[in-house]
Amino acid sequence: MGKTVIRLSCVMTTTFVALAATIIVVPARAQSVSSDVLTKARNNCLTSVAKVVGSPRSSLKVIQQTSNASGISVDVKVPKATAAWGCLTDRQGKVEDVHFKGSEGAL
C-alpha cells in the first residue's frame, strides 16, 4: 500500500486563521509480478466469474488487469451485464473476491 503524507499549512491574519490540509499519497515501491502469475490470475478470475454469473467462460472477456502490492485486480466483461465484474486475487493468482462493479439494482 502507499504511504500517506499529510501536509498542513497555516496562514494567519489579524481576523482569522486558515488551516489547509493537503493529502499526498506516495505509492509504495512497485513489485513486479511475472507474466505467468498474471496469466494464472486472469484465468482463475475468468473461471470464478463464469461460475458466479452462470455464463460460459468463453463468453467472458478481460477488459483490464492491474497489479499492486496487495494483489491483482481483473475486470471482466459479462454479456448483457450493465457494468464489469471485478475479481481480486492474491500475489500468486488465487482468487480472493468476485463482485459486480455496477449498481446492485441492475443485477
C-alpha atoms as a PDB file:
ATOM      1  CA  MET A   1       0.000   0.000   0.000  1.00  0.00           C
ATOM      2  CA  GLY A   2       1.074   3.561  -0.472  1.00  0.00           C
ATOM      3  CA  LYS A   3       2.283   5.794   2.288  1.00  0.00           C
ATOM      4  CA  THR A   4       0.049   8.758   3.104  1.00  0.00           C
ATOM      5  CA  VAL A   5       1.684  12.060   3.945  1.00  0.00           C
ATOM      6  CA  ILE A   6      -0.394  14.920   5.333  1.00  0.00           C
ATOM      7  CA  ARG A   7       0.978  18.431   4.928  1.00  0.00           C
ATOM      8  CA  LEU A   8      -0.592  21.223   6.967  1.00  0.00           C
ATOM      9  CA  SER A   9      -0.137  24.878   6.253  1.00  0.00           C
ATOM     10  CA  CYS A  10      -1.288  27.811   8.311  1.00  0.00           C
ATOM     11  CA  VAL A  11      -1.985  31.393   7.220  1.00  0.00           C
ATOM     12  CA  MET A  12      -2.630  33.902   9.965  1.00  0.00           C
ATOM     13  CA  THR A  13      -4.073  37.384   9.638  1.00  0.00           C
ATOM     14  CA  THR A  14      -5.453  39.753  12.215  1.00  0.00           C
ATOM     15  CA  THR A  15      -9.009  38.487  11.656  1.00  0.00           C
ATOM     16  CA  PHE A  16      -8.744  34.760  11.035  1.00  0.00           C
ATOM     17  CA  VAL A  17      -6.557  31.698  10.958  1.00  0.00           C
ATOM     18  CA  ALA A  18      -6.907  29.426   7.927  1.00  0.00           C
ATOM     19  CA  LEU A  19      -5.710  25.852   8.060  1.00  0.00           C
ATOM     20  CA  ALA A  20      -5.436  23.850   4.862  1.00  0.00           C
ATOM     21  CA  ALA A  21      -4.547  20.197   4.567  1.00  0.00           C
ATOM     22  CA  THR A  22      -3.099  18.563   1.515  1.00  0.00           C
ATOM     23  CA  ILE A  23      -3.025  14.795   1.350  1.00  0.00           C
ATOM     24  CA  ILE A  24      -0.276  13.332  -0.773  1.00  0.00           C
ATOM     25  CA  VAL A  25      -0.251   9.626  -1.493  1.00  0.00           C
ATOM     26  CA  VAL A  26       3.208   8.293  -2.147  1.00  0.00           C
ATOM     27  CA  PRO A  27       2.964   4.922  -3.917  1.00  0.00           C
ATOM     28  CA  ALA A  28       4.807   2.004  -2.431  1.00  0.00           C
ATOM     29  CA  ARG A  29       7.693   0.662  -4.439  1.00  0.00           C
ATOM     30  CA  ALA A  30       6.260  -1.324  -7.338  1.00  0.00           C
ATOM     31  CA  GLN A  31       6.664  -5.064  -7.005  1.00  0.00           C
ATOM     32  CA  SER A  32       6.722  -6.813 -10.331  1.00  0.00           C
ATOM     33  CA  VAL A  33       4.575  -9.848 -10.999  1.00  0.00           C
ATOM     34  CA  SER A  34       5.641 -12.458 -13.518  1.00  0.00           C
ATOM     35  CA  SER A  35       3.644 -12.904 -16.695  1.00  0.00           C
ATOM     36  CA  ASP A  36       2.893 -16.491 -15.583  1.00  0.00           C
ATOM     37  CA  VAL A  37       1.219 -15.207 -12.402  1.00  0.00           C
ATOM     38  CA  LEU A  38      -0.726 -12.567 -14.365  1.00  0.00           C
ATOM     39  CA  THR A  39      -1.945 -15.274 -16.750  1.00  0.00           C
ATOM     40  CA  LYS A  40      -2.888 -17.519 -13.821  1.00  0.00           C
ATOM     41  CA  ALA A  41      -4.812 -14.662 -12.153  1.00  0.00           C
ATOM     42  CA  ARG A  42      -6.635 -13.846 -15.400  1.00  0.00           C
ATOM     43  CA  ASN A  43      -7.597 -17.486 -15.996  1.00  0.00           C
ATOM     44  CA  ASN A  44      -8.673 -18.055 -12.388  1.00  0.00           C
ATOM     45  CA  CYS A  45     -10.791 -14.892 -12.475  1.00  0.00           C
ATOM     46  CA  LEU A  46     -12.499 -15.846 -15.730  1.00  0.00           C
ATOM     47  CA  THR A  47     -13.360 -19.250 -14.253  1.00  0.00           C
ATOM     48  CA  SER A  48     -14.622 -17.754 -10.974  1.00  0.00           C
ATOM     49  CA  VAL A  49     -16.724 -15.033 -12.622  1.00  0.00           C
ATOM     50  CA  ALA A  50     -18.225 -17.585 -15.039  1.00  0.00           C
ATOM     51  CA  LYS A  51     -19.213 -19.747 -12.078  1.00  0.00           C
ATOM     52  CA  VAL A  52     -20.777 -16.834 -10.163  1.00  0.00           C
ATOM     53  CA  VAL A  53     -22.767 -15.415 -13.102  1.00  0.00           C
ATOM     54  CA  GLY A  54     -23.672 -18.757 -14.672  1.00  0.00           C
ATOM     55  CA  SER A  55     -22.247 -17.897 -18.092  1.00  0.00           C
ATOM     56  CA  PRO A  56     -19.831 -19.930 -20.189  1.00  0.00           C
ATOM     57  CA  ARG A  57     -16.226 -18.900 -19.551  1.00  0.00           C
ATOM     58  CA  SER A  58     -15.730 -18.497 -23.299  1.00  0.00           C
ATOM     59  CA  SER A  59     -18.331 -15.692 -23.386  1.00  0.00           C
ATOM     60  CA  LEU A  60     -16.376 -13.530 -20.913  1.00  0.00           C
ATOM     61  CA  LYS A  61     -13.658 -11.027 -21.779  1.00  0.00           C
ATOM     62  CA  VAL A  62     -10.935  -9.456 -19.628  1.00  0.00           C
ATOM     63  CA  ILE A  63     -11.141  -5.693 -20.104  1.00  0.00           C
ATOM     64  CA  GLN A  64      -8.492  -4.589 -17.592  1.00  0.00           C
ATOM     65  CA  GLN A  65      -5.878  -6.145 -15.359  1.00  0.00           C
ATOM     66  CA  THR A  66      -3.664  -4.370 -12.838  1.00  0.00           C
ATOM     67  CA  SER A  67      -1.327  -5.463 -10.098  1.00  0.00           C
ATOM     68  CA  ASN A  68      -0.333  -3.720  -6.899  1.00  0.00           C
ATOM     69  CA  ALA A  69       1.325  -4.560  -3.600  1.00  0.00           C
ATOM     70  CA  SER A  70      -1.724  -6.417  -2.269  1.00  0.00           C
ATOM     71  CA  GLY A  71      -2.638  -8.474  -5.336  1.00  0.00           C
ATOM     72  CA  ILE A  72      -4.026  -8.491  -8.849  1.00  0.00           C
ATOM     73  CA  SER A  73      -7.282  -6.896  -9.982  1.00  0.00           C
ATOM     74  CA  VAL A  74      -9.083  -8.188 -13.081  1.00  0.00           C
ATOM     75  CA  ASP A  75     -12.162  -6.527 -14.618  1.00  0.00           C
ATOM     76  CA  VAL A  76     -14.321  -8.852 -16.695  1.00  0.00           C
ATOM     77  CA  LYS A  77     -16.985  -8.009 -19.291  1.00  0.00           C
ATOM     78  CA  VAL A  78     -20.016 -10.291 -18.981  1.00  0.00           C
ATOM     79  CA  PRO A  79     -22.550 -10.369 -21.844  1.00  0.00           C
ATOM     80  CA  LYS A  80     -25.692  -8.334 -21.070  1.00  0.00           C
ATOM     81  CA  ALA A  81     -24.225  -7.031 -17.774  1.00  0.00           C
ATOM     82  CA  THR A  82     -24.650  -3.287 -17.209  1.00  0.00           C
ATOM     83  CA  ALA A  83     -21.141  -2.988 -15.750  1.00  0.00           C
ATOM     84  CA  ALA A  84     -17.970  -5.007 -15.385  1.00  0.00           C
ATOM     85  CA  TRP A  85     -17.426  -7.717 -12.814  1.00  0.00           C
ATOM     86  CA  GLY A  86     -14.335  -7.328 -10.638  1.00  0.00           C
ATOM     87  CA  CYS A  87     -12.095 -10.095  -9.427  1.00  0.00           C
ATOM     88  CA  LEU A  88      -9.284  -9.769  -6.904  1.00  0.00           C
ATOM     89  CA  THR A  89      -6.503 -12.304  -6.475  1.00  0.00           C
ATOM     90  CA  ASP A  90      -3.539 -12.560  -4.162  1.00  0.00           C
ATOM     91  CA  ARG A  91       0.014 -12.113  -5.483  1.00  0.00           C
ATOM     92  CA  GLN A  92       0.066 -15.771  -6.555  1.00  0.00           C
ATOM     93  CA  GLY A  93      -3.145 -15.566  -8.635  1.00  0.00           C
ATOM     94  CA  LYS A  94      -5.510 -17.246  -6.153  1.00  0.00           C
ATOM     95  CA  VAL A  95      -8.993 -15.658  -6.280  1.00  0.00           C
ATOM     96  CA  GLU A  96     -10.000 -13.834  -3.104  1.00  0.00           C
ATOM     97  CA  ASP A  97     -13.112 -11.920  -4.237  1.00  0.00           C
ATOM     98  CA  VAL A  98     -15.579 -11.661  -7.137  1.00  0.00           C
ATOM     99  CA  HIS A  99     -18.011  -8.731  -7.224  1.00  0.00           C
ATOM    100  CA  PHE A 100     -20.274  -6.746  -9.553  1.00  0.00           C
ATOM    101  CA  LYS A 101     -18.909  -3.253 -10.116  1.00  0.00           C
ATOM    102  CA  GLY A 102     -22.179  -1.596 -11.109  1.00  0.00           C
ATOM    103  CA  SER A 103     -25.386  -0.846  -9.263  1.00  0.00           C
ATOM    104  CA  GLU A 104     -26.701  -3.929  -7.497  1.00  0.00           C
ATOM    105  CA  GLY A 105     -30.203  -2.907  -8.530  1.00  0.00           C
ATOM    106  CA  ALA A 106     -29.122  -3.605 -12.107  1.00  0.00           C
ATOM    107  CA  LEU A 107     -28.299  -7.228 -11.369  1.00  0.00           C
END
